Amino acid sequence: MINQTQSEVENIAGNAGWDSFTLLLLISRWLDANHLSDGLIAHLRDLAADEENFDLPSGD
């Protein structure tokens, strides 16, 4: 599901010709400069932990 933020960020990146690595680098630098990295890192760790605990059928 695409939200408004994702749509706008993808539009800006597309118009600027940035690939996903460049976009991630720019976002990371902005988060760090504004002391917002810790919250994002904790959130991503929680998501990753949830993924590890989520069992999907193997399809075998």
PDB file of N, CA and C in Angstrom:
ATOM      1  N   MET A   1       0.844  -1.172   0.000  1.00  0.00           N
ATOM      2  CA  MET A   1       0.000   0.000   0.000  1.00  0.00           C
ATOM      3  C   MET A   1       0.896   1.244   0.000  1.00  0.00           C
ATOM      4  N   ILE A   2       0.706   2.090  -0.978  1.00  0.00           N
ATOM      5  CA  ILE A   2       1.489   3.314  -1.084  1.00  0.00           C
ATOM      6  C   ILE A   2       0.756   4.433  -0.354  1.00  0.00           C
ATOM      7  N   ASN A   3       1.491   5.139   0.524  1.00  0.00           N
ATOM      8  CA  ASN A   3       0.889   6.273   1.210  1.00  0.00           C
ATOM      9  C   ASN A   3       1.381   7.572   0.572  1.00  0.00           C
ATOM     10  N   GLN A   4       0.883   8.681   1.032  1.00  0.00           N
ATOM     11  CA  GLN A   4       1.210   9.983   0.449  1.00  0.00           C
ATOM     12  C   GLN A   4       2.706  10.288   0.532  1.00  0.00           C
ATOM     13  N   THR A   5       3.316   9.983   1.663  1.00  0.00           N
ATOM     14  CA  THR A   5       4.750  10.245   1.824  1.00  0.00           C
ATOM     15  C   THR A   5       5.549   9.441   0.814  1.00  0.00           C
ATOM     16  N   GLN A   6       5.269   8.160   0.710  1.00  0.00           N
ATOM     17  CA  GLN A   6       5.993   7.317  -0.241  1.00  0.00           C
ATOM     18  C   GLN A   6       5.813   7.829  -1.662  1.00  0.00           C
ATOM     19  N   SER A   7       4.608   8.190  -2.001  1.00  0.00           N
ATOM     20  CA  SER A   7       4.332   8.698  -3.339  1.00  0.00           C
ATOM     21  C   SER A   7       5.136   9.957  -3.637  1.00  0.00           C
ATOM     22  N   GLU A   8       5.152  10.891  -2.714  1.00  0.00           N
ATOM     23  CA  GLU A   8       5.885  12.136  -2.926  1.00  0.00           C
ATOM     24  C   GLU A   8       7.390  11.903  -2.985  1.00  0.00           C
ATOM     25  N   VAL A   9       7.914  11.055  -2.100  1.00  0.00           N
ATOM     26  CA  VAL A   9       9.354  10.774  -2.090  1.00  0.00           C
ATOM     27  C   VAL A   9       9.767  10.081  -3.391  1.00  0.00           C
ATOM     28  N   GLU A  10       8.977   9.104  -3.829  1.00  0.00           N
ATOM     29  CA  GLU A  10       9.290   8.428  -5.087  1.00  0.00           C
ATOM     30  C   GLU A  10       9.224   9.382  -6.271  1.00  0.00           C
ATOM     31  N   ASN A  11       8.296  10.309  -6.251  1.00  0.00           N
ATOM     32  CA  ASN A  11       8.178  11.296  -7.316  1.00  0.00           C
ATOM     33  C   ASN A  11       9.416  12.198  -7.360  1.00  0.00           C
ATOM     34  N   ILE A  12       9.841  12.677  -6.199  1.00  0.00           N
ATOM     35  CA  ILE A  12      11.032  13.528  -6.116  1.00  0.00           C
ATOM     36  C   ILE A  12      12.262  12.760  -6.607  1.00  0.00           C
ATOM     37  N   ALA A  13      12.429  11.529  -6.122  1.00  0.00           N
ATOM     38  CA  ALA A  13      13.581  10.720  -6.513  1.00  0.00           C
ATOM     39  C   ALA A  13      13.579  10.444  -8.016  1.00  0.00           C
ATOM     40  N   GLY A  14      12.414  10.136  -8.550  1.00  0.00           N
ATOM     41  CA  GLY A  14      12.306   9.878  -9.983  1.00  0.00           C
ATOM     42  C   GLY A  14      12.664  11.096 -10.814  1.00  0.00           C
ATOM     43  N   ASN A  15      12.160  12.241 -10.411  1.00  0.00           N
ATOM     44  CA  ASN A  15      12.457  13.477 -11.137  1.00  0.00           C
ATOM     45  C   ASN A  15      13.927  13.850 -11.048  1.00  0.00           C
ATOM     46  N   ALA A  16      14.566  13.515  -9.924  1.00  0.00           N
ATOM     47  CA  ALA A  16      15.981  13.836  -9.736  1.00  0.00           C
ATOM     48  C   ALA A  16      16.898  12.784 -10.372  1.00  0.00           C
ATOM     49  N   GLY A  17      16.335  11.640 -10.741  1.00  0.00           N
ATOM     50  CA  GLY A  17      17.136  10.579 -11.325  1.00  0.00           C
ATOM     51  C   GLY A  17      17.917   9.765 -10.306  1.00  0.00           C
ATOM     52  N   TRP A  18      17.457   9.777  -9.050  1.00  0.00           N
ATOM     53  CA  TRP A  18      18.134   9.046  -7.984  1.00  0.00           C
ATOM     54  C   TRP A  18      17.703   7.588  -7.983  1.00  0.00           C
ATOM     55  N   ASP A  19      18.666   6.693  -7.785  1.00  0.00           N
ATOM     56  CA  ASP A  19      18.333   5.289  -7.587  1.00  0.00           C
ATOM     57  C   ASP A  19      17.966   5.073  -6.118  1.00  0.00           C
ATOM     58  N   SER A  20      17.554   3.857  -5.783  1.00  0.00           N
ATOM     59  CA  SER A  20      17.091   3.596  -4.421  1.00  0.00           C
ATOM     60  C   SER A  20      18.216   3.735  -3.396  1.00  0.00           C
ATOM     61  N   PHE A  21      19.456   3.395  -3.768  1.00  0.00           N
ATOM     62  CA  PHE A  21      20.563   3.538  -2.832  1.00  0.00           C
ATOM     63  C   PHE A  21      20.809   5.011  -2.506  1.00  0.00           C
ATOM     64  N   THR A  22      20.806   5.858  -3.519  1.00  0.00           N
ATOM     65  CA  THR A  22      21.012   7.293  -3.302  1.00  0.00           C
ATOM     66  C   THR A  22      19.907   7.862  -2.431  1.00  0.00           C
ATOM     67  N   LEU A  23      18.672   7.470  -2.702  1.00  0.00           N
ATOM     68  CA  LEU A  23      17.547   7.948  -1.904  1.00  0.00           C
ATOM     69  C   LEU A  23      17.695   7.518  -0.453  1.00  0.00           C
ATOM     70  N   LEU A  24      18.043   6.258  -0.225  1.00  0.00           N
ATOM     71  CA  LEU A  24      18.225   5.770   1.142  1.00  0.00           C
ATOM     72  C   LEU A  24      19.358   6.510   1.839  1.00  0.00           C
ATOM     73  N   LEU A  25      20.443   6.760   1.140  1.00  0.00           N
ATOM     74  CA  LEU A  25      21.562   7.497   1.705  1.00  0.00           C
ATOM     75  C   LEU A  25      21.144   8.914   2.104  1.00  0.00           C
ATOM     76  N   LEU A  26      20.407   9.593   1.249  1.00  0.00           N
ATOM     77  CA  LEU A  26      19.958  10.953   1.550  1.00  0.00           C
ATOM     78  C   LEU A  26      18.994  10.979   2.733  1.00  0.00           C
ATOM     79  N   ILE A  27      18.089  10.026   2.777  1.00  0.00           N
ATOM     80  CA  ILE A  27      17.150   9.950   3.900  1.00  0.00           C
ATOM     81  C   ILE A  27      17.910   9.660   5.184  1.00  0.00           C
ATOM     82  N   SER A  28      18.868   8.739   5.140  1.00  0.00           N
ATOM     83  CA  SER A  28      19.656   8.399   6.325  1.00  0.00           C
ATOM     84  C   SER A  28      20.444   9.587   6.842  1.00  0.00           C
ATOM     85  N   ARG A  29      21.035  10.343   5.926  1.00  0.00           N
ATOM     86  CA  ARG A  29      21.787  11.534   6.333  1.00  0.00           C
ATOM     87  C   ARG A  29      20.879  12.566   6.986  1.00  0.00           C
ATOM     88  N   TRP A  30      19.672  12.746   6.434  1.00  0.00           N
ATOM     89  CA  TRP A  30      18.730  13.715   7.001  1.00  0.00           C
ATOM     90  C   TRP A  30      18.281  13.270   8.393  1.00  0.00           C
ATOM     91  N   LEU A  31      17.976  11.982   8.530  1.00  0.00           N
ATOM     92  CA  LEU A  31      17.574  11.460   9.844  1.00  0.00           C
ATOM     93  C   LEU A  31      18.674  11.667  10.873  1.00  0.00           C
ATOM     94  N   ASP A  32      19.906  11.370  10.481  1.00  0.00           N
ATOM     95  CA  ASP A  32      21.031  11.524  11.401  1.00  0.00           C
ATOM     96  C   ASP A  32      21.233  12.991  11.772  1.00  0.00           C
ATOM     97  N   ALA A  33      21.170  13.882  10.804  1.00  0.00           N
ATOM     98  CA  ALA A  33      21.372  15.316  11.057  1.00  0.00           C
ATOM     99  C   ALA A  33      20.303  15.892  11.972  1.00  0.00           C
ATOM    100  N   ASN A  34      19.116  15.289  11.941  1.00  0.00           N
ATOM    101  CA  ASN A  34      18.002  15.783  12.753  1.00  0.00           C
ATOM    102  C   ASN A  34      17.751  14.923  13.989  1.00  0.00           C
ATOM    103  N   HIS A  35      18.716  14.071  14.315  1.00  0.00           N
ATOM    104  CA  HIS A  35      18.665  13.220  15.513  1.00  0.00           C
ATOM    105  C   HIS A  35      17.392  12.378  15.566  1.00  0.00           C
ATOM    106  N   LEU A  36      17.032  11.816  14.408  1.00  0.00           N
ATOM    107  CA  LEU A  36      15.842  10.977  14.328  1.00  0.00           C
ATOM    108  C   LEU A  36      16.167   9.527  13.987  1.00  0.00           C
ATOM    109  N   SER A  37      17.449   9.221  13.884  1.00  0.00           N
ATOM    110  CA  SER A  37      17.868   7.879  13.470  1.00  0.00           C
ATOM    111  C   SER A  37      17.479   6.799  14.471  1.00  0.00           C
ATOM    112  N   ASP A  38      17.615   7.076  15.755  1.00  0.00           N
ATOM    113  CA  ASP A  38      17.373   6.048  16.773  1.00  0.00           C
ATOM    114  C   ASP A  38      15.960   5.483  16.695  1.00  0.00           C
ATOM    115  N   GLY A  39      14.980   6.336  16.522  1.00  0.00           N
ATOM    116  CA  GLY A  39      13.593   5.872  16.434  1.00  0.00           C
ATOM    117  C   GLY A  39      13.360   4.994  15.220  1.00  0.00           C
ATOM    118  N   LEU A  40      13.929   5.383  14.077  1.00  0.00           N
ATOM    119  CA  LEU A  40      13.779   4.575  12.871  1.00  0.00           C
ATOM    120  C   LEU A  40      14.488   3.236  13.020  1.00  0.00           C
ATOM    121  N   ILE A  41      15.687   3.246  13.570  1.00  0.00           N
ATOM    122  CA  ILE A  41      16.438   2.007  13.751  1.00  0.00           C
ATOM    123  C   ILE A  41      15.679   1.047  14.666  1.00  0.00           C
ATOM    124  N   ALA A  42      15.133   1.547  15.758  1.00  0.00           N
ATOM    125  CA  ALA A  42      14.355   0.696  16.668  1.00  0.00           C
ATOM    126  C   ALA A  42      13.129   0.128  15.955  1.00  0.00           C
ATOM    127  N   HIS A  43      12.457   0.952  15.189  1.00  0.00           N
ATOM    128  CA  HIS A  43      11.271   0.516  14.443  1.00  0.00           C
ATOM    129  C   HIS A  43      11.640  -0.582  13.446  1.00  0.00           C
ATOM    130  N   LEU A  44      12.729  -0.387  12.692  1.00  0.00           N
ATOM    131  CA  LEU A  44      13.151  -1.387  11.712  1.00  0.00           C
ATOM    132  C   LEU A  44      13.585  -2.684  12.378  1.00  0.00           C
ATOM    133  N   ARG A  45      14.246  -2.592  13.534  1.00  0.00           N
ATOM    134  CA  ARG A  45      14.624  -3.803  14.269  1.00  0.00           C
ATOM    135  C   ARG A  45      13.388  -4.583  14.694  1.00  0.00           C
ATOM    136  N   ASP A  46      12.369  -3.852  15.167  1.00  0.00           N
ATOM    137  CA  ASP A  46      11.124  -4.510  15.567  1.00  0.00           C
ATOM    138  C   ASP A  46      10.455  -5.191  14.375  1.00  0.00           C
ATOM    139  N   LEU A  47      10.429  -4.513  13.229  1.00  0.00           N
ATOM    140  CA  LEU A  47       9.842  -5.110  12.033  1.00  0.00           C
ATOM    141  C   LEU A  47      10.608  -6.359  11.610  1.00  0.00           C
ATOM    142  N   ALA A  48      11.932  -6.281  11.650  1.00  0.00           N
ATOM    143  CA  ALA A  48      12.763  -7.424  11.279  1.00  0.00           C
ATOM    144  C   ALA A  48      12.523  -8.597  12.222  1.00  0.00           C
ATOM    145  N   ALA A  49      12.394  -8.321  13.515  1.00  0.00           N
ATOM    146  CA  ALA A  49      12.131  -9.382  14.487  1.00  0.00           C
ATOM    147  C   ALA A  49      10.773 -10.023  14.216  1.00  0.00           C
ATOM    148  N   ASP A  50       9.787  -9.211  13.871  1.00  0.00           N
ATOM    149  CA  ASP A  50       8.472  -9.751  13.542  1.00  0.00           C
ATOM    150  C   ASP A  50       8.543 -10.640  12.305  1.00  0.00           C
ATOM    151  N   GLU A  51       9.332 -10.248  11.317  1.00  0.00           N
ATOM    152  CA  GLU A  51       9.490 -11.044  10.104  1.00  0.00           C
ATOM    153  C   GLU A  51      10.091 -12.402  10.421  1.00  0.00           C
ATOM    154  N   GLU A  52      11.082 -12.429  11.311  1.00  0.00           N
ATOM    155  CA  GLU A  52      11.731 -13.685  11.668  1.00  0.00           C
ATOM    156  C   GLU A  52      10.769 -14.624  12.380  1.00  0.00           C
ATOM    157  N   ASN A  53       9.805 -14.086  13.099  1.00  0.00           N
ATOM    158  CA  ASN A  53       8.852 -14.899  13.852  1.00  0.00           C
ATOM    159  C   ASN A  53       7.605 -15.247  13.050  1.00  0.00           C
ATOM    160  N   PHE A  54       7.518 -14.749  11.829  1.00  0.00           N
ATOM    161  CA  PHE A  54       6.340 -14.945  11.003  1.00  0.00           C
ATOM    162  C   PHE A  54       6.567 -16.141  10.085  1.00  0.00           C
ATOM    163  N   ASP A  55       5.758 -17.178  10.242  1.00  0.00           N
ATOM    164  CA  ASP A  55       5.922 -18.391   9.444  1.00  0.00           C
ATOM    165  C   ASP A  55       5.029 -18.321   8.208  1.00  0.00           C
ATOM    166  N   LEU A  56       5.637 -18.443   7.048  1.00  0.00           N
ATOM    167  CA  LEU A  56       4.888 -18.549   5.811  1.00  0.00           C
ATOM    168  C   LEU A  56       4.917 -20.003   5.348  1.00  0.00           C
ATOM    169  N   PRO A  57       3.824 -20.463   4.772  1.00  0.00           N
ATOM    170  CA  PRO A  57       3.840 -21.827   4.232  1.00  0.00           C
ATOM    171  C   PRO A  57       4.939 -21.969   3.173  1.00  0.00           C
ATOM    172  N   SER A  58       5.600 -23.116   3.153  1.00  0.00           N
ATOM    173  CA  SER A  58       6.714 -23.319   2.232  1.00  0.00           C
ATOM    174  C   SER A  58       6.247 -23.546   0.807  1.00  0.00           C
ATOM    175  N   GLY A  59       5.010 -23.929   0.608  1.00  0.00           N
ATOM    176  CA  GLY A  59       4.499 -24.178  -0.723  1.00  0.00           C
ATOM    177  C   GLY A  59       4.881 -25.537  -1.284  1.00  0.00           C
ATOM    178  N   ASP A  60       5.476 -26.371  -0.444  1.00  0.00           N
ATOM    179  CA  ASP A  60       5.878 -27.706  -0.889  1.00  0.00           C
ATOM    180  C   ASP A  60       4.714 -28.651  -0.944  1.00  0.00           C
TER     181      ASP A  60
END
